[in-house]
Amino acid sequence: MTKSLLSMNWALKLPLVLGLALGLSACGEAPTQSSKSFLNFASARPEPEGIDPERKAFAIAMAKELRARGQRVWCVPFARNASGIEIRGNARTWWSQAEGVYGRGHTPKPGAVMAFTGTRKLPLGHVAVVSEVVSEREIRIDHANWKRNQLSFGMTVVDVSPKNDWSAVRVMSTPGQLGRVYPVSGFIYEPETRS
């Protein structure tokens, strides 16, 4: 009888243990109030000019709230909250949705949204907020879900396009290593505030 009770207990606990293991492997460590490791991939830097710290703080708070409720952190809500660019829908649609509503171009500016083109690897596209322009061919971005369910700050992006027009980039997903080439539609700019 004792053996069957132990077996039954294990049978009841197994799905819970497997679910917990799967959840941890998919999302990394669970965040705590004092831990920011799930949020920050790159080293912390002072905010560059042009980034609205209140918007960024709001975007981070919303991401933390989603994580606390066990929900997924996606690039679109993070980019919208951090940039103030009010576009909805899959990231691959942002470039076309911005036409006639927001400024668009191929020059990175702090606070602009970088719109990655949908590909086989990124079927829904991707959006990120430019946090710093380092040089003509290098920027840093803040974004969500490049690494599953995480926020990444200050990630290096290098323009590898032949015409230096930011149509092809490589992202430093791992410190010291640039990843594959991704196509980019361009940058979406927040309208300037009129006095």
N, C-alpha and C. Protein backbone atom coordinates (compact mmCIF):
# COMPACT_ATOMS: atom_id res chain seq x y z
N MET A 1 0.82 -1.20 0.00
CA MET A 1 0.00 0.00 0.00
C MET A 1 0.86 1.25 0.00
N THR A 2 1.92 1.26 0.81
CA THR A 2 2.81 2.41 0.86
C THR A 2 3.46 2.66 -0.49
N LYS A 3 3.87 1.57 -1.14
CA LYS A 3 4.52 1.71 -2.45
C LYS A 3 3.55 2.32 -3.46
N SER A 4 2.28 1.90 -3.45
CA SER A 4 1.33 2.46 -4.41
C SER A 4 1.03 3.92 -4.11
N LEU A 5 1.03 4.32 -2.84
CA LEU A 5 0.83 5.73 -2.49
C LEU A 5 2.01 6.58 -2.97
N LEU A 6 3.22 6.06 -2.79
CA LEU A 6 4.38 6.79 -3.26
C LEU A 6 4.36 6.91 -4.78
N SER A 7 3.98 5.85 -5.47
CA SER A 7 3.90 5.88 -6.93
C SER A 7 2.85 6.88 -7.37
N MET A 8 1.71 6.89 -6.67
CA MET A 8 0.65 7.81 -7.05
C MET A 8 1.11 9.26 -6.81
N ASN A 9 1.76 9.51 -5.69
CA ASN A 9 2.26 10.86 -5.43
C ASN A 9 3.23 11.29 -6.52
N TRP A 10 4.15 10.43 -6.91
CA TRP A 10 5.11 10.76 -7.96
C TRP A 10 4.38 11.01 -9.28
N ALA A 11 3.38 10.18 -9.57
CA ALA A 11 2.63 10.36 -10.80
C ALA A 11 1.90 11.70 -10.82
N LEU A 12 1.45 12.15 -9.67
CA LEU A 12 0.78 13.46 -9.59
C LEU A 12 1.78 14.61 -9.67
N LYS A 13 2.99 14.39 -9.15
CA LYS A 13 3.99 15.45 -9.13
C LYS A 13 4.75 15.56 -10.44
N LEU A 14 4.84 14.48 -11.20
CA LEU A 14 5.64 14.48 -12.42
C LEU A 14 5.25 15.59 -13.40
N PRO A 15 3.96 15.78 -13.71
CA PRO A 15 3.62 16.87 -14.63
C PRO A 15 4.06 18.24 -14.11
N LEU A 16 3.94 18.45 -12.80
CA LEU A 16 4.36 19.71 -12.21
C LEU A 16 5.87 19.90 -12.35
N VAL A 17 6.64 18.87 -12.05
CA VAL A 17 8.10 18.95 -12.15
C VAL A 17 8.51 19.18 -13.61
N LEU A 18 7.90 18.45 -14.54
CA LEU A 18 8.23 18.62 -15.95
C LEU A 18 7.85 20.01 -16.44
N GLY A 19 6.70 20.50 -16.03
CA GLY A 19 6.26 21.84 -16.42
C GLY A 19 7.22 22.91 -15.91
N LEU A 20 7.65 22.76 -14.67
CA LEU A 20 8.59 23.71 -14.08
C LEU A 20 9.92 23.67 -14.82
N ALA A 21 10.43 22.49 -15.12
CA ALA A 21 11.70 22.36 -15.84
C ALA A 21 11.58 22.96 -17.24
N LEU A 22 10.48 22.69 -17.93
CA LEU A 22 10.28 23.25 -19.26
C LEU A 22 10.19 24.77 -19.21
N GLY A 23 9.46 25.28 -18.24
CA GLY A 23 9.33 26.73 -18.10
C GLY A 23 10.66 27.41 -17.85
N LEU A 24 11.48 26.81 -16.99
CA LEU A 24 12.78 27.40 -16.70
C LEU A 24 13.71 27.31 -17.90
N SER A 25 13.64 26.22 -18.66
CA SER A 25 14.53 26.11 -19.81
C SER A 25 14.11 27.07 -20.92
N ALA A 26 12.82 27.38 -21.04
CA ALA A 26 12.36 28.26 -22.10
C ALA A 26 12.58 29.72 -21.77
N CYS A 27 12.52 30.09 -20.51
CA CYS A 27 12.51 31.50 -20.16
C CYS A 27 13.69 31.95 -19.32
N GLY A 28 14.57 31.08 -18.93
CA GLY A 28 15.67 31.48 -18.05
C GLY A 28 15.18 31.53 -16.62
N GLU A 29 15.94 32.17 -15.76
CA GLU A 29 15.55 32.19 -14.36
C GLU A 29 14.33 33.06 -14.13
N ALA A 30 13.56 32.71 -13.14
CA ALA A 30 12.38 33.49 -12.80
C ALA A 30 12.82 34.80 -12.16
N PRO A 31 12.20 35.92 -12.53
CA PRO A 31 12.60 37.20 -11.96
C PRO A 31 12.11 37.36 -10.53
N THR A 32 12.84 38.13 -9.78
CA THR A 32 12.39 38.51 -8.45
C THR A 32 12.39 40.03 -8.41
N GLN A 33 11.82 40.59 -7.38
CA GLN A 33 11.78 42.04 -7.27
C GLN A 33 13.19 42.62 -7.27
N SER A 34 14.14 41.93 -6.62
CA SER A 34 15.48 42.48 -6.52
C SER A 34 16.38 42.05 -7.67
N SER A 35 15.94 41.07 -8.48
CA SER A 35 16.78 40.58 -9.57
C SER A 35 16.39 41.21 -10.89
N LYS A 36 17.38 41.76 -11.60
CA LYS A 36 17.12 42.32 -12.92
C LYS A 36 17.80 41.49 -13.99
N SER A 37 18.33 40.32 -13.63
CA SER A 37 19.10 39.55 -14.60
C SER A 37 18.26 39.14 -15.79
N PHE A 38 16.97 38.94 -15.62
CA PHE A 38 16.15 38.57 -16.76
C PHE A 38 15.94 39.75 -17.68
N LEU A 39 16.18 40.94 -17.19
CA LEU A 39 15.94 42.12 -18.00
C LEU A 39 17.16 42.54 -18.80
N ASN A 40 18.33 42.43 -18.23
CA ASN A 40 19.45 43.12 -18.82
C ASN A 40 20.50 42.16 -19.34
N PHE A 41 20.65 42.13 -20.66
CA PHE A 41 21.68 41.33 -21.29
C PHE A 41 22.98 42.11 -21.36
N ALA A 42 22.91 43.36 -21.74
CA ALA A 42 24.11 44.18 -21.91
C ALA A 42 24.40 44.93 -20.60
N SER A 43 25.58 45.48 -20.52
CA SER A 43 25.94 46.20 -19.30
C SER A 43 25.11 47.47 -19.20
N ALA A 44 24.87 47.87 -17.97
CA ALA A 44 24.09 49.10 -17.75
C ALA A 44 24.92 50.31 -18.14
N ARG A 45 24.28 51.25 -18.78
CA ARG A 45 24.93 52.49 -19.20
C ARG A 45 24.02 53.65 -18.81
N PRO A 46 24.58 54.85 -18.67
CA PRO A 46 23.71 55.99 -18.47
C PRO A 46 22.86 56.19 -19.72
N GLU A 47 21.68 56.74 -19.54
CA GLU A 47 20.79 56.97 -20.68
C GLU A 47 21.39 57.98 -21.64
N PRO A 48 21.49 57.64 -22.92
CA PRO A 48 21.95 58.63 -23.89
C PRO A 48 20.88 59.70 -24.10
N GLU A 49 21.30 60.85 -24.63
CA GLU A 49 20.33 61.90 -24.94
C GLU A 49 19.32 61.39 -25.96
N GLY A 50 18.09 61.85 -25.85
CA GLY A 50 17.09 61.48 -26.83
C GLY A 50 16.18 60.35 -26.40
N ILE A 51 16.54 59.65 -25.35
CA ILE A 51 15.69 58.57 -24.85
C ILE A 51 14.86 59.14 -23.70
N ASP A 52 13.57 58.90 -23.75
CA ASP A 52 12.68 59.37 -22.69
C ASP A 52 12.73 58.37 -21.54
N PRO A 53 13.36 58.72 -20.42
CA PRO A 53 13.51 57.78 -19.32
C PRO A 53 12.17 57.34 -18.72
N GLU A 54 11.16 58.21 -18.75
CA GLU A 54 9.85 57.82 -18.21
C GLU A 54 9.20 56.74 -19.07
N ARG A 55 9.28 56.89 -20.38
CA ARG A 55 8.72 55.87 -21.27
C ARG A 55 9.43 54.54 -21.09
N LYS A 56 10.76 54.61 -21.02
CA LYS A 56 11.52 53.38 -20.84
C LYS A 56 11.17 52.71 -19.52
N ALA A 57 11.06 53.49 -18.46
CA ALA A 57 10.69 52.93 -17.15
C ALA A 57 9.30 52.31 -17.20
N PHE A 58 8.38 52.95 -17.92
CA PHE A 58 7.04 52.40 -18.08
C PHE A 58 7.09 51.07 -18.84
N ALA A 59 7.87 51.03 -19.92
CA ALA A 59 7.98 49.80 -20.73
C ALA A 59 8.56 48.67 -19.89
N ILE A 60 9.54 48.97 -19.07
CA ILE A 60 10.14 47.95 -18.20
C ILE A 60 9.14 47.48 -17.16
N ALA A 61 8.41 48.42 -16.55
CA ALA A 61 7.41 48.06 -15.55
C ALA A 61 6.32 47.16 -16.15
N MET A 62 5.88 47.48 -17.37
CA MET A 62 4.86 46.65 -18.02
C MET A 62 5.39 45.25 -18.30
N ALA A 63 6.65 45.15 -18.73
CA ALA A 63 7.25 43.84 -18.99
C ALA A 63 7.36 43.04 -17.70
N LYS A 64 7.76 43.70 -16.61
CA LYS A 64 7.86 43.01 -15.32
C LYS A 64 6.49 42.49 -14.88
N GLU A 65 5.47 43.31 -15.10
CA GLU A 65 4.11 42.91 -14.73
C GLU A 65 3.67 41.68 -15.52
N LEU A 66 3.95 41.67 -16.81
CA LEU A 66 3.61 40.51 -17.63
C LEU A 66 4.33 39.26 -17.13
N ARG A 67 5.62 39.40 -16.87
CA ARG A 67 6.40 38.26 -16.38
C ARG A 67 5.84 37.75 -15.05
N ALA A 68 5.47 38.69 -14.16
CA ALA A 68 4.94 38.30 -12.85
C ALA A 68 3.64 37.52 -12.98
N ARG A 69 2.87 37.80 -14.04
CA ARG A 69 1.61 37.08 -14.28
C ARG A 69 1.83 35.82 -15.12
N GLY A 70 3.10 35.53 -15.44
CA GLY A 70 3.40 34.35 -16.23
C GLY A 70 3.12 34.51 -17.71
N GLN A 71 3.01 35.75 -18.18
CA GLN A 71 2.72 36.00 -19.59
C GLN A 71 3.99 36.33 -20.35
N ARG A 72 3.92 36.23 -21.65
CA ARG A 72 5.06 36.44 -22.54
C ARG A 72 5.34 37.93 -22.72
N VAL A 73 6.61 38.28 -22.80
CA VAL A 73 7.05 39.64 -23.07
C VAL A 73 7.41 39.69 -24.55
N TRP A 74 6.70 40.54 -25.32
CA TRP A 74 6.88 40.62 -26.77
C TRP A 74 7.56 41.94 -27.15
N CYS A 75 8.13 41.96 -28.36
CA CYS A 75 8.83 43.16 -28.83
C CYS A 75 7.88 44.32 -29.13
N VAL A 76 6.69 44.04 -29.65
CA VAL A 76 5.78 45.11 -30.08
C VAL A 76 5.32 45.98 -28.91
N PRO A 77 4.75 45.43 -27.84
CA PRO A 77 4.33 46.31 -26.74
C PRO A 77 5.50 47.05 -26.11
N PHE A 78 6.66 46.36 -25.99
CA PHE A 78 7.81 47.03 -25.41
C PHE A 78 8.22 48.23 -26.28
N ALA A 79 8.33 48.04 -27.60
CA ALA A 79 8.74 49.13 -28.49
C ALA A 79 7.72 50.27 -28.47
N ARG A 80 6.44 49.92 -28.46
CA ARG A 80 5.39 50.95 -28.42
C ARG A 80 5.49 51.74 -27.12
N ASN A 81 5.62 51.05 -25.99
CA ASN A 81 5.70 51.73 -24.69
C ASN A 81 6.97 52.54 -24.54
N ALA A 82 8.09 52.04 -25.05
CA ALA A 82 9.37 52.72 -24.87
C ALA A 82 9.55 53.89 -25.83
N SER A 83 8.92 53.83 -27.01
CA SER A 83 9.13 54.87 -28.03
C SER A 83 8.01 55.89 -28.11
N GLY A 84 6.80 55.50 -27.72
CA GLY A 84 5.65 56.38 -27.89
C GLY A 84 5.04 56.30 -29.28
N ILE A 85 5.55 55.42 -30.12
CA ILE A 85 5.00 55.23 -31.46
C ILE A 85 3.84 54.25 -31.35
N GLU A 86 2.65 54.75 -31.58
CA GLU A 86 1.43 53.99 -31.35
C GLU A 86 1.01 53.17 -32.57
N ILE A 87 1.75 52.11 -32.81
CA ILE A 87 1.39 51.17 -33.87
C ILE A 87 1.13 49.82 -33.21
N ARG A 88 0.14 49.12 -33.73
CA ARG A 88 -0.22 47.81 -33.19
C ARG A 88 -0.07 46.77 -34.29
N GLY A 89 -0.15 45.52 -33.91
CA GLY A 89 -0.03 44.44 -34.89
C GLY A 89 1.38 43.89 -34.94
N ASN A 90 1.56 42.83 -35.74
CA ASN A 90 2.86 42.18 -35.85
C ASN A 90 3.94 43.16 -36.26
N ALA A 91 5.13 42.94 -35.77
CA ALA A 91 6.26 43.84 -36.05
C ALA A 91 6.50 43.97 -37.55
N ARG A 92 6.27 42.92 -38.31
CA ARG A 92 6.54 42.99 -39.76
C ARG A 92 5.64 44.01 -40.47
N THR A 93 4.54 44.43 -39.81
CA THR A 93 3.62 45.39 -40.43
C THR A 93 3.90 46.83 -40.03
N TRP A 94 4.79 47.05 -39.08
CA TRP A 94 5.01 48.40 -38.58
C TRP A 94 5.50 49.35 -39.66
N TRP A 95 6.40 48.93 -40.51
CA TRP A 95 6.96 49.81 -41.53
C TRP A 95 5.86 50.35 -42.43
N SER A 96 5.01 49.46 -42.92
CA SER A 96 3.94 49.92 -43.82
C SER A 96 2.88 50.71 -43.06
N GLN A 97 2.57 50.33 -41.83
CA GLN A 97 1.59 51.08 -41.05
C GLN A 97 2.06 52.51 -40.73
N ALA A 98 3.36 52.71 -40.64
CA ALA A 98 3.90 54.02 -40.30
C ALA A 98 3.81 55.01 -41.45
N GLU A 99 3.67 54.51 -42.68
CA GLU A 99 3.65 55.39 -43.84
C GLU A 99 2.51 56.41 -43.73
N GLY A 100 2.86 57.68 -43.85
CA GLY A 100 1.88 58.75 -43.80
C GLY A 100 1.45 59.14 -42.39
N VAL A 101 1.89 58.38 -41.39
CA VAL A 101 1.51 58.65 -40.00
C VAL A 101 2.72 59.12 -39.19
N TYR A 102 3.83 58.46 -39.41
CA TYR A 102 5.08 58.78 -38.73
C TYR A 102 6.16 58.99 -39.78
N GLY A 103 7.20 59.70 -39.39
CA GLY A 103 8.34 59.83 -40.28
C GLY A 103 9.04 58.48 -40.40
N ARG A 104 9.57 58.21 -41.58
CA ARG A 104 10.32 56.97 -41.81
C ARG A 104 11.60 57.32 -42.53
N GLY A 105 12.63 56.55 -42.31
CA GLY A 105 13.88 56.79 -43.01
C GLY A 105 14.89 55.70 -42.75
N HIS A 106 16.11 55.97 -43.19
CA HIS A 106 17.17 54.97 -43.09
C HIS A 106 18.36 55.48 -42.29
N THR A 107 18.09 56.47 -41.44
CA THR A 107 19.11 57.02 -40.55
C THR A 107 18.69 56.76 -39.12
N PRO A 108 19.50 56.04 -38.35
CA PRO A 108 19.12 55.79 -36.95
C PRO A 108 19.20 57.06 -36.11
N LYS A 109 18.22 57.20 -35.21
CA LYS A 109 18.19 58.31 -34.27
C LYS A 109 17.73 57.75 -32.93
N PRO A 110 18.27 58.25 -31.82
CA PRO A 110 17.81 57.77 -30.52
C PRO A 110 16.30 57.96 -30.38
N GLY A 111 15.64 56.93 -29.91
CA GLY A 111 14.20 56.95 -29.73
C GLY A 111 13.42 56.42 -30.92
N ALA A 112 14.07 56.27 -32.07
CA ALA A 112 13.39 55.74 -33.26
C ALA A 112 13.21 54.23 -33.12
N VAL A 113 12.21 53.71 -33.80
CA VAL A 113 11.99 52.26 -33.81
C VAL A 113 12.63 51.68 -35.06
N MET A 114 13.49 50.70 -34.87
CA MET A 114 14.11 49.96 -35.98
C MET A 114 13.17 48.82 -36.33
N ALA A 115 12.70 48.81 -37.58
CA ALA A 115 11.73 47.79 -38.03
C ALA A 115 12.45 46.72 -38.84
N PHE A 116 12.58 45.54 -38.25
CA PHE A 116 13.19 44.40 -38.93
C PHE A 116 12.15 43.80 -39.87
N THR A 117 12.57 43.43 -41.06
CA THR A 117 11.70 42.82 -42.05
C THR A 117 11.40 41.38 -41.64
N GLY A 118 10.19 40.91 -41.90
CA GLY A 118 9.85 39.52 -41.63
C GLY A 118 10.67 38.58 -42.52
N THR A 119 11.19 37.52 -41.93
CA THR A 119 11.99 36.52 -42.65
C THR A 119 11.58 35.13 -42.15
N ARG A 120 12.21 34.12 -42.69
CA ARG A 120 11.95 32.76 -42.20
C ARG A 120 12.32 32.64 -40.72
N LYS A 121 13.44 33.25 -40.35
CA LYS A 121 13.89 33.21 -38.95
C LYS A 121 13.02 34.12 -38.06
N LEU A 122 12.55 35.25 -38.62
CA LEU A 122 11.69 36.20 -37.88
C LEU A 122 10.39 36.36 -38.66
N PRO A 123 9.51 35.36 -38.67
CA PRO A 123 8.32 35.44 -39.51
C PRO A 123 7.39 36.60 -39.15
N LEU A 124 7.38 37.02 -37.90
CA LEU A 124 6.53 38.14 -37.49
C LEU A 124 7.29 39.46 -37.51
N GLY A 125 8.53 39.43 -38.00
CA GLY A 125 9.36 40.62 -37.97
C GLY A 125 9.85 40.88 -36.56
N HIS A 126 10.39 42.06 -36.34
CA HIS A 126 10.89 42.43 -35.01
C HIS A 126 11.00 43.95 -34.98
N VAL A 127 10.78 44.54 -33.82
CA VAL A 127 10.98 45.98 -33.64
C VAL A 127 11.82 46.20 -32.39
N ALA A 128 12.67 47.23 -32.47
CA ALA A 128 13.55 47.59 -31.36
C ALA A 128 13.67 49.10 -31.33
N VAL A 129 14.02 49.64 -30.18
CA VAL A 129 14.16 51.09 -30.03
C VAL A 129 15.65 51.44 -30.00
N VAL A 130 16.03 52.40 -30.83
CA VAL A 130 17.43 52.86 -30.86
C VAL A 130 17.71 53.61 -29.57
N SER A 131 18.69 53.12 -28.82
CA SER A 131 19.03 53.80 -27.57
C SER A 131 20.26 54.69 -27.71
N GLU A 132 21.10 54.42 -28.72
CA GLU A 132 22.31 55.23 -28.88
C GLU A 132 22.85 55.04 -30.30
N VAL A 133 23.30 56.14 -30.88
CA VAL A 133 24.01 56.07 -32.15
C VAL A 133 25.49 56.19 -31.81
N VAL A 134 26.24 55.14 -32.08
CA VAL A 134 27.66 55.09 -31.75
C VAL A 134 28.50 55.67 -32.88
N SER A 135 28.16 55.29 -34.11
CA SER A 135 28.87 55.78 -35.29
C SER A 135 27.96 55.63 -36.50
N GLU A 136 28.47 55.96 -37.67
CA GLU A 136 27.68 55.82 -38.90
C GLU A 136 27.18 54.40 -39.11
N ARG A 137 27.91 53.43 -38.62
CA ARG A 137 27.57 52.03 -38.88
C ARG A 137 27.35 51.20 -37.62
N GLU A 138 27.19 51.85 -36.48
CA GLU A 138 26.96 51.11 -35.25
C GLU A 138 25.98 51.86 -34.36
N ILE A 139 25.00 51.13 -33.84
CA ILE A 139 24.05 51.69 -32.87
C ILE A 139 23.88 50.70 -31.74
N ARG A 140 23.15 51.14 -30.72
CA ARG A 140 22.73 50.25 -29.64
C ARG A 140 21.20 50.31 -29.60
N ILE A 141 20.60 49.17 -29.28
CA ILE A 141 19.15 49.09 -29.22
C ILE A 141 18.69 48.50 -27.90
N ASP A 142 17.47 48.85 -27.53
CA ASP A 142 16.75 48.21 -26.42
C ASP A 142 15.57 47.51 -27.04
N HIS A 143 15.30 46.27 -26.64
CA HIS A 143 14.18 45.54 -27.22
C HIS A 143 13.79 44.36 -26.36
N ALA A 144 12.69 43.74 -26.74
CA ALA A 144 12.16 42.60 -25.99
C ALA A 144 12.06 41.38 -26.89
N ASN A 145 12.23 40.24 -26.28
CA ASN A 145 12.00 38.93 -26.89
C ASN A 145 12.99 38.58 -28.01
N TRP A 146 14.14 39.23 -28.08
CA TRP A 146 15.20 38.75 -28.98
C TRP A 146 15.71 37.45 -28.39
N LYS A 147 15.91 37.49 -27.07
CA LYS A 147 16.11 36.28 -26.28
C LYS A 147 14.76 36.04 -25.65
N ARG A 148 14.24 34.86 -25.80
CA ARG A 148 12.87 34.54 -25.43
C ARG A 148 12.46 35.14 -24.09
N ASN A 149 11.41 35.95 -24.15
CA ASN A 149 10.75 36.49 -22.96
C ASN A 149 11.64 37.39 -22.11
N GLN A 150 12.66 37.98 -22.70
CA GLN A 150 13.56 38.86 -21.96
C GLN A 150 13.64 40.22 -22.61
N LEU A 151 14.06 41.20 -21.81
CA LEU A 151 14.40 42.52 -22.32
C LEU A 151 15.91 42.57 -22.47
N SER A 152 16.38 43.23 -23.51
CA SER A 152 17.81 43.40 -23.73
C SER A 152 18.08 44.88 -23.93
N PHE A 153 19.09 45.40 -23.23
CA PHE A 153 19.41 46.82 -23.29
C PHE A 153 20.83 47.02 -23.83
N GLY A 154 20.98 48.05 -24.64
CA GLY A 154 22.30 48.42 -25.11
C GLY A 154 22.95 47.39 -26.01
N MET A 155 22.13 46.60 -26.74
CA MET A 155 22.71 45.60 -27.64
C MET A 155 23.28 46.29 -28.88
N THR A 156 24.47 45.90 -29.24
CA THR A 156 25.15 46.47 -30.40
C THR A 156 24.52 45.94 -31.69
N VAL A 157 24.29 46.85 -32.63
CA VAL A 157 23.82 46.50 -33.97
C VAL A 157 24.75 47.19 -34.95
N VAL A 158 25.22 46.43 -35.95
CA VAL A 158 26.15 46.95 -36.93
C VAL A 158 25.51 46.90 -38.31
N ASP A 159 25.59 48.01 -39.03
CA ASP A 159 25.09 48.08 -40.40
C ASP A 159 26.09 47.36 -41.30
N VAL A 160 25.63 46.33 -42.00
CA VAL A 160 26.50 45.58 -42.92
C VAL A 160 25.99 45.70 -44.36
N SER A 161 25.09 46.66 -44.60
CA SER A 161 24.55 46.83 -45.95
C SER A 161 25.62 47.41 -46.86
N PRO A 162 25.66 46.98 -48.12
CA PRO A 162 26.67 47.48 -49.06
C PRO A 162 26.58 48.99 -49.29
N LYS A 163 25.37 49.56 -49.20
CA LYS A 163 25.19 51.00 -49.46
C LYS A 163 25.18 51.84 -48.19
N ASN A 164 25.49 51.23 -47.05
CA ASN A 164 25.47 51.93 -45.77
C ASN A 164 24.12 52.59 -45.53
N ASP A 165 23.03 51.84 -45.82
CA ASP A 165 21.68 52.39 -45.66
C ASP A 165 20.86 51.66 -44.58
N TRP A 166 21.51 50.87 -43.77
CA TRP A 166 20.88 50.15 -42.67
C TRP A 166 19.82 49.16 -43.15
N SER A 167 19.94 48.67 -44.36
CA SER A 167 18.98 47.68 -44.86
C SER A 167 19.37 46.25 -44.48
N ALA A 168 20.58 46.07 -43.97
CA ALA A 168 21.06 44.76 -43.51
C ALA A 168 21.93 44.99 -42.28
N VAL A 169 21.63 44.25 -41.21
CA VAL A 169 22.36 44.45 -39.95
C VAL A 169 22.73 43.11 -39.32
N ARG A 170 23.67 43.20 -38.42
CA ARG A 170 24.01 42.06 -37.56
C ARG A 170 23.88 42.55 -36.13
N VAL A 171 23.29 41.70 -35.28
CA VAL A 171 23.02 42.05 -33.89
C VAL A 171 23.95 41.23 -32.99
N MET A 172 24.53 41.89 -32.00
CA MET A 172 25.39 41.19 -31.06
C MET A 172 24.52 40.55 -29.99
N SER A 173 24.09 39.33 -30.24
CA SER A 173 23.21 38.61 -29.31
C SER A 173 23.98 37.99 -28.15
N THR A 174 25.24 37.71 -28.38
CA THR A 174 26.13 37.16 -27.36
C THR A 174 27.31 38.11 -27.26
N PRO A 175 27.74 38.46 -26.05
CA PRO A 175 28.85 39.42 -25.93
C PRO A 175 30.04 39.02 -26.81
N GLY A 176 30.48 39.98 -27.62
CA GLY A 176 31.64 39.77 -28.47
C GLY A 176 31.38 39.04 -29.78
N GLN A 177 30.11 38.65 -30.05
CA GLN A 177 29.81 37.90 -31.27
C GLN A 177 28.61 38.51 -31.97
N LEU A 178 28.82 38.88 -33.23
CA LEU A 178 27.71 39.37 -34.05
C LEU A 178 27.02 38.17 -34.68
N GLY A 179 25.70 38.19 -34.71
CA GLY A 179 24.92 37.09 -35.27
C GLY A 179 24.77 37.20 -36.77
N ARG A 180 23.80 36.45 -37.29
CA ARG A 180 23.52 36.42 -38.73
C ARG A 180 23.06 37.78 -39.23
N VAL A 181 22.96 37.90 -40.54
CA VAL A 181 22.49 39.14 -41.16
C VAL A 181 20.96 39.13 -41.20
N TYR A 182 20.36 40.24 -40.77
CA TYR A 182 18.91 40.42 -40.81
C TYR A 182 18.57 41.62 -41.67
N PRO A 183 17.53 41.51 -42.50
CA PRO A 183 17.10 42.67 -43.28
C PRO A 183 16.27 43.62 -42.41
N VAL A 184 16.43 44.92 -42.68
CA VAL A 184 15.71 45.95 -41.93
C VAL A 184 15.00 46.84 -42.94
N SER A 185 13.72 47.13 -42.66
CA SER A 185 12.97 48.04 -43.53
C SER A 185 13.42 49.48 -43.33
N GLY A 186 13.72 49.86 -42.10
CA GLY A 186 14.17 51.22 -41.81
C GLY A 186 13.82 51.62 -40.40
N PHE A 187 13.80 52.93 -40.17
CA PHE A 187 13.54 53.49 -38.85
C PHE A 187 12.27 54.31 -38.89
N ILE A 188 11.48 54.18 -37.83
CA ILE A 188 10.24 54.94 -37.69
C ILE A 188 10.48 55.97 -36.59
N TYR A 189 10.20 57.23 -36.92
CA TYR A 189 10.49 58.33 -36.01
C TYR A 189 9.22 58.86 -35.35
N GLU A 190 9.35 59.17 -34.08
CA GLU A 190 8.24 59.80 -33.36
C GLU A 190 8.06 61.21 -33.90
N PRO A 191 6.81 61.65 -34.07
CA PRO A 191 6.62 63.04 -34.54
C PRO A 191 7.20 64.01 -33.53
N GLU A 192 7.77 65.09 -34.03
CA GLU A 192 8.34 66.08 -33.13
C GLU A 192 7.22 66.83 -32.43
N THR A 193 7.44 67.15 -31.17
CA THR A 193 6.47 67.89 -30.38
C THR A 193 6.44 69.33 -30.88
N ARG A 194 5.24 69.81 -31.14
CA ARG A 194 5.09 71.20 -31.61
C ARG A 194 4.75 72.09 -30.42
N SER A 195 5.41 73.25 -30.34
CA SER A 195 5.16 74.16 -29.22
C SER A 195 3.97 75.04 -29.50
